[in-house]
Amino acid sequence: MEGAFIGDIVGSIYEWRNHKSKEFPLFSPGCRATDDSLMTLAVEQAFEAARSRGKLLERHTVLPLLARAMRSLGQKYPDAGFGGKFRYWLFHPEMGAYGSFGNGAAMRVSPAGWFGRTLAEVRQLAILSCEVSHNHPESYRAAQATAGAIFLARQKKSKEEIREYLKPFYDLDFTVEGIRDAYEGDASCQNSVPQGLVCFLDSTCFEDALRNAVSLGGDSDTLAAIAGSIAEPFYGIPEEIRKEARKYYLPEMLETVKI
């Protein structure tokens, strides 16, 4: 999960600026934790609360916990970069899920890859993490692809095995280098999640996965959050990167990672 935090922070300053290069300082003034980190943390909090009750996979328990955690953190940090409709959802508890296929479904799903004990559980948790707002088939697809890749990386599967798992979800027959110049990107699952996955698949280390993501441009923090969330269990996070990134964590994020 911390890989998503770090990717979000690294990519935050380049979001929609189309940097188009792997040469940049990982951390610099202006970097911050955005909605990607906050909603990832909210999912973690909700899953932990449900697990403590022995009801991690029970929809009627998990969904209210998710909505409560997301709204609590979102209302505390309203300027974290939320999309307009999701921001409205945060402040209107009467509003239900609204069929979003935005990439928030994938940016926040990494806890599912850590809490699930089997791939089937991971995929179930991935869908649950979407249902409070992003109840759309594209969101389910994006969340299950990302969370499943995280779980397989935790199981020490190879990139070839992870790619094989991802084949039913997306056509990933492209490379970062091959699409960099033309890629424009948007905040939909369809046009950002496959690219985030390939940023990991094309990487040589944790840091390289983040540099791949930023170099594509577009929604850089979310691309890096997705790539970083898979790169974390696959490579591990270098201690110097972890230490520097934590300077940008919000207090609630620090409390979680230091447990």
C-alpha atoms as a PDB file:
ATOM      1  CA  MET A   1       0.000   0.000   0.000  1.00  0.00           C
ATOM      2  CA  GLU A   2       2.858   2.401   0.715  1.00  0.00           C
ATOM      3  CA  GLY A   3       3.964   2.072  -2.891  1.00  0.00           C
ATOM      4  CA  ALA A   4       0.725   3.794  -3.907  1.00  0.00           C
ATOM      5  CA  PHE A   5       1.400   6.610  -1.443  1.00  0.00           C
ATOM      6  CA  ILE A   6       4.888   7.169  -2.795  1.00  0.00           C
ATOM      7  CA  GLY A   7       3.822   7.012  -6.424  1.00  0.00           C
ATOM      8  CA  ASP A   8       1.091   9.539  -5.737  1.00  0.00           C
ATOM      9  CA  ILE A   9       3.495  11.955  -4.048  1.00  0.00           C
ATOM     10  CA  VAL A  10       6.174  11.609  -6.730  1.00  0.00           C
ATOM     11  CA  GLY A  11       3.654  12.123  -9.536  1.00  0.00           C
ATOM     12  CA  SER A  12       1.652  14.884  -7.853  1.00  0.00           C
ATOM     13  CA  ILE A  13       3.724  17.791  -9.105  1.00  0.00           C
ATOM     14  CA  TYR A  14       3.658  16.541 -12.710  1.00  0.00           C
ATOM     15  CA  GLU A  15      -0.062  15.797 -13.020  1.00  0.00           C
ATOM     16  CA  TRP A  16      -1.353  16.960 -16.442  1.00  0.00           C
ATOM     17  CA  ARG A  17       1.941  18.761 -17.124  1.00  0.00           C
ATOM     18  CA  ASN A  18       3.099  16.124 -19.637  1.00  0.00           C
ATOM     19  CA  HIS A  19       6.712  16.020 -18.540  1.00  0.00           C
ATOM     20  CA  LYS A  20       7.511  13.247 -21.108  1.00  0.00           C
ATOM     21  CA  SER A  21      10.902  12.345 -19.664  1.00  0.00           C
ATOM     22  CA  LYS A  22      12.281   9.975 -17.040  1.00  0.00           C
ATOM     23  CA  GLU A  23      14.709  12.642 -15.909  1.00  0.00           C
ATOM     24  CA  PHE A  24      13.319  14.574 -12.949  1.00  0.00           C
ATOM     25  CA  PRO A  25      13.833  14.825  -9.181  1.00  0.00           C
ATOM     26  CA  LEU A  26      11.674  12.263  -7.382  1.00  0.00           C
ATOM     27  CA  PHE A  27      10.847  14.725  -4.622  1.00  0.00           C
ATOM     28  CA  SER A  28      10.754  18.487  -4.868  1.00  0.00           C
ATOM     29  CA  PRO A  29       8.866  21.478  -3.444  1.00  0.00           C
ATOM     30  CA  GLY A  30       5.214  21.175  -4.365  1.00  0.00           C
ATOM     31  CA  CYS A  31       5.010  17.393  -4.018  1.00  0.00           C
ATOM     32  CA  ARG A  32       2.131  16.310  -1.812  1.00  0.00           C
ATOM     33  CA  ALA A  33      -0.204  13.484  -0.926  1.00  0.00           C
ATOM     34  CA  THR A  34      -3.356  13.833  -3.028  1.00  0.00           C
ATOM     35  CA  ASP A  35      -6.761  12.180  -3.185  1.00  0.00           C
ATOM     36  CA  ASP A  36      -5.041   9.000  -4.410  1.00  0.00           C
ATOM     37  CA  SER A  37      -3.282   8.528  -1.076  1.00  0.00           C
ATOM     38  CA  LEU A  38      -6.261   9.605   1.009  1.00  0.00           C
ATOM     39  CA  MET A  39      -8.685   7.199  -0.613  1.00  0.00           C
ATOM     40  CA  THR A  40      -6.153   4.357  -0.501  1.00  0.00           C
ATOM     41  CA  LEU A  41      -5.844   5.026   3.215  1.00  0.00           C
ATOM     42  CA  ALA A  42      -9.622   5.093   3.584  1.00  0.00           C
ATOM     43  CA  VAL A  43      -9.919   1.659   1.959  1.00  0.00           C
ATOM     44  CA  GLU A  44      -7.227   0.324   4.279  1.00  0.00           C
ATOM     45  CA  GLN A  45      -9.018   1.723   7.330  1.00  0.00           C
ATOM     46  CA  ALA A  46     -12.351   0.244   6.281  1.00  0.00           C
ATOM     47  CA  PHE A  47     -10.893  -3.174   5.515  1.00  0.00           C
ATOM     48  CA  GLU A  48      -9.029  -3.226   8.816  1.00  0.00           C
ATOM     49  CA  ALA A  49     -12.202  -2.338  10.724  1.00  0.00           C
ATOM     50  CA  ALA A  50     -14.162  -5.047   8.905  1.00  0.00           C
ATOM     51  CA  ARG A  51     -11.434  -7.640   9.475  1.00  0.00           C
ATOM     52  CA  SER A  52     -11.326  -6.840  13.187  1.00  0.00           C
ATOM     53  CA  ARG A  53     -15.009  -7.766  13.301  1.00  0.00           C
ATOM     54  CA  GLY A  54     -14.438 -10.955  11.334  1.00  0.00           C
ATOM     55  CA  LYS A  55     -16.521  -9.585   8.456  1.00  0.00           C
ATOM     56  CA  LEU A  56     -13.977  -8.541   5.853  1.00  0.00           C
ATOM     57  CA  LEU A  57     -15.849 -10.107   2.950  1.00  0.00           C
ATOM     58  CA  GLU A  58     -19.356  -9.148   4.059  1.00  0.00           C
ATOM     59  CA  ARG A  59     -20.721  -6.472   1.773  1.00  0.00           C
ATOM     60  CA  HIS A  60     -23.261  -5.038   4.206  1.00  0.00           C
ATOM     61  CA  THR A  61     -20.446  -4.444   6.713  1.00  0.00           C
ATOM     62  CA  VAL A  62     -17.707  -3.252   4.371  1.00  0.00           C
ATOM     63  CA  LEU A  63     -19.623  -0.732   2.264  1.00  0.00           C
ATOM     64  CA  PRO A  64     -20.792   1.504   5.148  1.00  0.00           C
ATOM     65  CA  LEU A  65     -17.275   1.422   6.593  1.00  0.00           C
ATOM     66  CA  LEU A  66     -15.819   2.422   3.238  1.00  0.00           C
ATOM     67  CA  ALA A  67     -18.221   5.311   2.773  1.00  0.00           C
ATOM     68  CA  ARG A  68     -17.583   6.543   6.307  1.00  0.00           C
ATOM     69  CA  ALA A  69     -13.787   6.377   6.007  1.00  0.00           C
ATOM     70  CA  MET A  70     -13.730   8.025   2.590  1.00  0.00           C
ATOM     71  CA  ARG A  71     -15.996  10.846   3.679  1.00  0.00           C
ATOM     72  CA  SER A  72     -14.155  11.395   6.933  1.00  0.00           C
ATOM     73  CA  LEU A  73     -10.768  11.811   5.238  1.00  0.00           C
ATOM     74  CA  GLY A  74     -12.156  13.594   2.195  1.00  0.00           C
ATOM     75  CA  GLN A  75     -14.000  16.184   4.241  1.00  0.00           C
ATOM     76  CA  LYS A  76     -10.895  16.779   6.355  1.00  0.00           C
ATOM     77  CA  TYR A  77      -8.744  17.386   3.252  1.00  0.00           C
ATOM     78  CA  PRO A  78     -11.199  18.799   0.681  1.00  0.00           C
ATOM     79  CA  ASP A  79      -8.469  20.367  -1.461  1.00  0.00           C
ATOM     80  CA  ALA A  80      -6.586  17.123  -2.094  1.00  0.00           C
ATOM     81  CA  GLY A  81      -7.485  17.070  -5.768  1.00  0.00           C
ATOM     82  CA  PHE A  82     -10.800  15.233  -5.879  1.00  0.00           C
ATOM     83  CA  GLY A  83     -12.796  15.107  -9.090  1.00  0.00           C
ATOM     84  CA  GLY A  84     -15.928  17.237  -9.078  1.00  0.00           C
ATOM     85  CA  LYS A  85     -18.571  14.522  -8.813  1.00  0.00           C
ATOM     86  CA  PHE A  86     -16.643  12.504  -6.243  1.00  0.00           C
ATOM     87  CA  ARG A  87     -16.079  15.657  -4.194  1.00  0.00           C
ATOM     88  CA  TYR A  88     -19.851  16.212  -4.225  1.00  0.00           C
ATOM     89  CA  TRP A  89     -20.334  12.598  -3.101  1.00  0.00           C
ATOM     90  CA  LEU A  90     -17.940  13.163  -0.198  1.00  0.00           C
ATOM     91  CA  PHE A  91     -20.074  15.957   1.221  1.00  0.00           C
ATOM     92  CA  HIS A  92     -23.503  14.469   0.542  1.00  0.00           C
ATOM     93  CA  PRO A  93     -24.022  11.235   2.518  1.00  0.00           C
ATOM     94  CA  GLU A  94     -27.445  10.785   0.962  1.00  0.00           C
ATOM     95  CA  MET A  95     -25.815  10.265  -2.447  1.00  0.00           C
ATOM     96  CA  GLY A  96     -25.262   6.686  -3.472  1.00  0.00           C
ATOM     97  CA  ALA A  97     -22.942   5.127  -6.006  1.00  0.00           C
ATOM     98  CA  TYR A  98     -23.068   6.982  -9.306  1.00  0.00           C
ATOM     99  CA  GLY A  99     -21.557   4.655 -11.883  1.00  0.00           C
ATOM    100  CA  SER A 100     -18.167   6.310 -12.214  1.00  0.00           C
ATOM    101  CA  PHE A 101     -15.547   4.672 -14.427  1.00  0.00           C
ATOM    102  CA  GLY A 102     -12.837   7.059 -13.246  1.00  0.00           C
ATOM    103  CA  ASN A 103      -9.405   5.734 -12.361  1.00  0.00           C
ATOM    104  CA  GLY A 104     -10.083   6.310  -8.666  1.00  0.00           C
ATOM    105  CA  ALA A 105     -11.159   2.675  -8.718  1.00  0.00           C
ATOM    106  CA  ALA A 106      -7.570   1.581  -9.357  1.00  0.00           C
ATOM    107  CA  MET A 107      -5.690   4.270  -7.460  1.00  0.00           C
ATOM    108  CA  ARG A 108      -7.335   3.292  -4.153  1.00  0.00           C
ATOM    109  CA  VAL A 109      -7.558  -0.489  -4.542  1.00  0.00           C
ATOM    110  CA  SER A 110      -4.100  -1.580  -3.352  1.00  0.00           C
ATOM    111  CA  PRO A 111      -5.249  -2.628   0.158  1.00  0.00           C
ATOM    112  CA  ALA A 112      -7.345  -5.359  -1.491  1.00  0.00           C
ATOM    113  CA  GLY A 113      -4.135  -6.914  -2.791  1.00  0.00           C
ATOM    114  CA  TRP A 114      -2.787  -7.093   0.763  1.00  0.00           C
ATOM    115  CA  PHE A 115      -5.875  -8.026   2.768  1.00  0.00           C
ATOM    116  CA  GLY A 116      -7.082 -10.862   0.550  1.00  0.00           C
ATOM    117  CA  ARG A 117      -5.771 -14.314   1.440  1.00  0.00           C
ATOM    118  CA  THR A 118      -6.469 -15.773  -1.996  1.00  0.00           C
ATOM    119  CA  LEU A 119      -6.773 -14.324  -5.485  1.00  0.00           C
ATOM    120  CA  ALA A 120     -10.526 -14.887  -5.315  1.00  0.00           C
ATOM    121  CA  GLU A 121     -10.743 -12.886  -2.089  1.00  0.00           C
ATOM    122  CA  VAL A 122      -8.602 -10.141  -3.555  1.00  0.00           C
ATOM    123  CA  ARG A 123     -10.915  -9.806  -6.520  1.00  0.00           C
ATOM    124  CA  GLN A 124     -13.963  -9.752  -4.260  1.00  0.00           C
ATOM    125  CA  LEU A 125     -12.421  -7.023  -2.114  1.00  0.00           C
ATOM    126  CA  ALA A 126     -11.466  -5.076  -5.223  1.00  0.00           C
ATOM    127  CA  ILE A 127     -15.104  -4.947  -6.318  1.00  0.00           C
ATOM    128  CA  LEU A 128     -16.218  -3.954  -2.819  1.00  0.00           C
ATOM    129  CA  SER A 129     -13.740  -1.088  -2.838  1.00  0.00           C
ATOM    130  CA  CYS A 130     -15.480   0.269  -5.951  1.00  0.00           C
ATOM    131  CA  GLU A 131     -19.106  -0.208  -5.046  1.00  0.00           C
ATOM    132  CA  VAL A 132     -19.712   2.846  -2.882  1.00  0.00           C
ATOM    133  CA  SER A 133     -19.109   5.200  -5.817  1.00  0.00           C
ATOM    134  CA  HIS A 134     -17.455   3.562  -8.840  1.00  0.00           C
ATOM    135  CA  ASN A 135     -20.032   0.850  -9.524  1.00  0.00           C
ATOM    136  CA  HIS A 136     -19.270   0.483 -13.210  1.00  0.00           C
ATOM    137  CA  PRO A 137     -17.924  -2.563 -15.098  1.00  0.00           C
ATOM    138  CA  GLU A 138     -14.834  -0.627 -16.189  1.00  0.00           C
ATOM    139  CA  SER A 139     -14.082   0.251 -12.571  1.00  0.00           C
ATOM    140  CA  TYR A 140     -14.509  -3.351 -11.476  1.00  0.00           C
ATOM    141  CA  ARG A 141     -12.197  -4.463 -14.253  1.00  0.00           C
ATOM    142  CA  ALA A 142      -9.530  -1.897 -13.361  1.00  0.00           C
ATOM    143  CA  ALA A 143      -9.680  -2.651  -9.649  1.00  0.00           C
ATOM    144  CA  GLN A 144      -9.511  -6.425 -10.075  1.00  0.00           C
ATOM    145  CA  ALA A 145      -6.621  -6.166 -12.527  1.00  0.00           C
ATOM    146  CA  THR A 146      -4.576  -3.906 -10.260  1.00  0.00           C
ATOM    147  CA  ALA A 147      -5.314  -5.701  -7.001  1.00  0.00           C
ATOM    148  CA  GLY A 148      -4.693  -9.101  -8.557  1.00  0.00           C
ATOM    149  CA  ALA A 149      -1.316  -7.963  -9.882  1.00  0.00           C
ATOM    150  CA  ILE A 150      -0.383  -6.758  -6.394  1.00  0.00           C
ATOM    151  CA  PHE A 151      -1.378 -10.072  -4.873  1.00  0.00           C
ATOM    152  CA  LEU A 152       0.607 -12.059  -7.446  1.00  0.00           C
ATOM    153  CA  ALA A 153       3.642  -9.843  -6.858  1.00  0.00           C
ATOM    154  CA  ARG A 154       3.308 -10.631  -3.144  1.00  0.00           C
ATOM    155  CA  GLN A 155       3.311 -14.318  -4.067  1.00  0.00           C
ATOM    156  CA  LYS A 156       6.650 -13.826  -5.865  1.00  0.00           C
ATOM    157  CA  LYS A 157       5.183 -14.511  -9.272  1.00  0.00           C
ATOM    158  CA  SER A 158       7.189 -13.438 -12.309  1.00  0.00           C
ATOM    159  CA  LYS A 159       6.274 -10.552 -14.571  1.00  0.00           C
ATOM    160  CA  GLU A 160       5.341 -13.082 -17.228  1.00  0.00           C
ATOM    161  CA  GLU A 161       2.855 -14.685 -14.817  1.00  0.00           C
ATOM    162  CA  ILE A 162       1.462 -11.293 -13.802  1.00  0.00           C
ATOM    163  CA  ARG A 163       1.095 -10.296 -17.447  1.00  0.00           C
ATOM    164  CA  GLU A 164      -0.725 -13.562 -18.135  1.00  0.00           C
ATOM    165  CA  TYR A 165      -3.171 -12.782 -15.305  1.00  0.00           C
ATOM    166  CA  LEU A 166      -3.800  -9.330 -16.778  1.00  0.00           C
ATOM    167  CA  LYS A 167      -4.504 -10.543 -20.336  1.00  0.00           C
ATOM    168  CA  PRO A 168      -8.269 -11.062 -19.836  1.00  0.00           C
ATOM    169  CA  PHE A 169      -8.561  -7.529 -18.495  1.00  0.00           C
ATOM    170  CA  TYR A 170      -6.551  -5.445 -20.971  1.00  0.00           C
ATOM    171  CA  ASP A 171      -4.527  -5.609 -24.133  1.00  0.00           C
ATOM    172  CA  LEU A 172      -1.082  -4.703 -22.818  1.00  0.00           C
ATOM    173  CA  ASP A 173       0.764  -5.278 -26.056  1.00  0.00           C
ATOM    174  CA  PHE A 174       2.598  -1.944 -25.939  1.00  0.00           C
ATOM    175  CA  THR A 175       5.535  -0.374 -24.139  1.00  0.00           C
ATOM    176  CA  VAL A 176       6.118   2.861 -22.275  1.00  0.00           C
ATOM    177  CA  GLU A 177       8.682   3.924 -24.865  1.00  0.00           C
ATOM    178  CA  GLY A 178       6.313   3.101 -27.681  1.00  0.00           C
ATOM    179  CA  ILE A 179       3.414   5.241 -26.490  1.00  0.00           C
ATOM    180  CA  ARG A 180       5.165   8.069 -24.611  1.00  0.00           C
ATOM    181  CA  ASP A 181       5.148  10.717 -27.346  1.00  0.00           C
ATOM    182  CA  ALA A 182       1.544  10.171 -28.423  1.00  0.00           C
ATOM    183  CA  TYR A 183      -0.078   9.383 -25.077  1.00  0.00           C
ATOM    184  CA  GLU A 184      -2.369  12.135 -23.837  1.00  0.00           C
ATOM    185  CA  GLY A 185      -4.279  10.304 -21.144  1.00  0.00           C
ATOM    186  CA  ASP A 186      -7.393  11.095 -19.172  1.00  0.00           C
ATOM    187  CA  ALA A 187      -8.849  10.129 -15.805  1.00  0.00           C
ATOM    188  CA  SER A 188     -10.882   7.168 -17.078  1.00  0.00           C
ATOM    189  CA  CYS A 189      -9.993   3.612 -16.188  1.00  0.00           C
ATOM    190  CA  GLN A 190      -9.890   2.701 -19.861  1.00  0.00           C
ATOM    191  CA  ASN A 191      -7.206   5.217 -20.781  1.00  0.00           C
ATOM    192  CA  SER A 192      -4.990   5.215 -17.715  1.00  0.00           C
ATOM    193  CA  VAL A 193      -5.074   1.887 -15.894  1.00  0.00           C
ATOM    194  CA  PRO A 194      -3.537  -0.210 -18.723  1.00  0.00           C
ATOM    195  CA  GLN A 195      -0.780   2.384 -19.000  1.00  0.00           C
ATOM    196  CA  GLY A 196      -0.160   2.312 -15.248  1.00  0.00           C
ATOM    197  CA  LEU A 197       0.131  -1.476 -15.351  1.00  0.00           C
ATOM    198  CA  VAL A 198       2.646  -1.353 -18.200  1.00  0.00           C
ATOM    199  CA  CYS A 199       4.686   1.245 -16.304  1.00  0.00           C
ATOM    200  CA  PHE A 200       5.279  -1.509 -13.778  1.00  0.00           C
ATOM    201  CA  LEU A 201       5.750  -4.305 -16.307  1.00  0.00           C
ATOM    202  CA  ASP A 202       8.360  -2.273 -18.229  1.00  0.00           C
ATOM    203  CA  SER A 203      10.267  -1.260 -15.095  1.00  0.00           C
ATOM    204  CA  THR A 204      13.618  -2.423 -13.795  1.00  0.00           C
ATOM    205  CA  CYS A 205      13.143  -1.394 -10.146  1.00  0.00           C
ATOM    206  CA  PHE A 206      10.718   0.435  -7.859  1.00  0.00           C
ATOM    207  CA  GLU A 207      12.053   3.853  -8.786  1.00  0.00           C
ATOM    208  CA  ASP A 208      11.996   3.059 -12.496  1.00  0.00           C
ATOM    209  CA  ALA A 209       8.304   2.165 -12.297  1.00  0.00           C
ATOM    210  CA  LEU A 210       7.561   5.646 -10.950  1.00  0.00           C
ATOM    211  CA  ARG A 211       9.767   7.314 -13.562  1.00  0.00           C
ATOM    212  CA  ASN A 212       7.964   5.387 -16.296  1.00  0.00           C
ATOM    213  CA  ALA A 213       4.634   6.643 -14.991  1.00  0.00           C
ATOM    214  CA  VAL A 214       5.617  10.304 -14.760  1.00  0.00           C
ATOM    215  CA  SER A 215       7.245  10.177 -18.196  1.00  0.00           C
ATOM    216  CA  LEU A 216       3.935   9.313 -19.869  1.00  0.00           C
ATOM    217  CA  GLY A 217       2.270  12.533 -18.763  1.00  0.00           C
ATOM    218  CA  GLY A 218      -1.464  12.788 -18.240  1.00  0.00           C
ATOM    219  CA  ASP A 219      -2.743  11.800 -14.805  1.00  0.00           C
ATOM    220  CA  SER A 220       0.796  11.253 -13.554  1.00  0.00           C
ATOM    221  CA  ASP A 221       0.076  10.806  -9.861  1.00  0.00           C
ATOM    222  CA  THR A 222      -2.503   8.099 -10.500  1.00  0.00           C
ATOM    223  CA  LEU A 223      -0.333   6.298 -13.057  1.00  0.00           C
ATOM    224  CA  ALA A 224       2.505   6.319 -10.523  1.00  0.00           C
ATOM    225  CA  ALA A 225       0.215   5.223  -7.692  1.00  0.00           C
ATOM    226  CA  ILE A 226      -0.888   2.209  -9.741  1.00  0.00           C
ATOM    227  CA  ALA A 227       2.631   1.329 -10.878  1.00  0.00           C
ATOM    228  CA  GLY A 228       4.045   1.904  -7.401  1.00  0.00           C
ATOM    229  CA  SER A 229       1.405  -0.232  -5.733  1.00  0.00           C
ATOM    230  CA  ILE A 230       2.528  -3.268  -7.753  1.00  0.00           C
ATOM    231  CA  ALA A 231       6.233  -2.415  -7.723  1.00  0.00           C
ATOM    232  CA  GLU A 232       6.239  -2.353  -3.908  1.00  0.00           C
ATOM    233  CA  PRO A 233       5.647  -6.096  -3.359  1.00  0.00           C
ATOM    234  CA  PHE A 234       7.592  -7.040  -6.499  1.00  0.00           C
ATOM    235  CA  TYR A 235      10.815  -5.107  -5.813  1.00  0.00           C
ATOM    236  CA  GLY A 236      10.470  -3.685  -2.337  1.00  0.00           C
ATOM    237  CA  ILE A 237      10.827   0.013  -1.576  1.00  0.00           C
ATOM    238  CA  PRO A 238      14.389   1.351  -1.192  1.00  0.00           C
ATOM    239  CA  GLU A 239      14.798   2.731   2.300  1.00  0.00           C
ATOM    240  CA  GLU A 240      16.105   6.087   1.111  1.00  0.00           C
ATOM    241  CA  ILE A 241      12.991   6.595  -1.024  1.00  0.00           C
ATOM    242  CA  ARG A 242      10.697   5.513   1.792  1.00  0.00           C
ATOM    243  CA  LYS A 243      12.409   7.850   4.251  1.00  0.00           C
ATOM    244  CA  GLU A 244      12.196  10.843   1.918  1.00  0.00           C
ATOM    245  CA  ALA A 245       8.596  10.151   0.925  1.00  0.00           C
ATOM    246  CA  ARG A 246       7.439  10.051   4.530  1.00  0.00           C
ATOM    247  CA  LYS A 247       8.359  13.709   4.878  1.00  0.00           C
ATOM    248  CA  TYR A 248       5.315  14.392   2.688  1.00  0.00           C
ATOM    249  CA  TYR A 249       2.878  12.022   4.407  1.00  0.00           C
ATOM    250  CA  LEU A 250      -0.169  13.360   6.165  1.00  0.00           C
ATOM    251  CA  PRO A 251      -0.422  12.438   9.873  1.00  0.00           C
ATOM    252  CA  GLU A 252      -3.019   9.732   9.206  1.00  0.00           C
ATOM    253  CA  MET A 253      -0.726   8.125   6.624  1.00  0.00           C
ATOM    254  CA  LEU A 254       2.187   8.057   9.050  1.00  0.00           C
ATOM    255  CA  GLU A 255       0.024   6.443  11.708  1.00  0.00           C
ATOM    256  CA  THR A 256      -0.891   3.628   9.325  1.00  0.00           C
ATOM    257  CA  VAL A 257       2.576   2.811   7.989  1.00  0.00           C
ATOM    258  CA  LYS A 258       4.201   2.889  11.428  1.00  0.00           C
ATOM    259  CA  ILE A 259       1.796   0.363  12.961  1.00  0.00           C
END
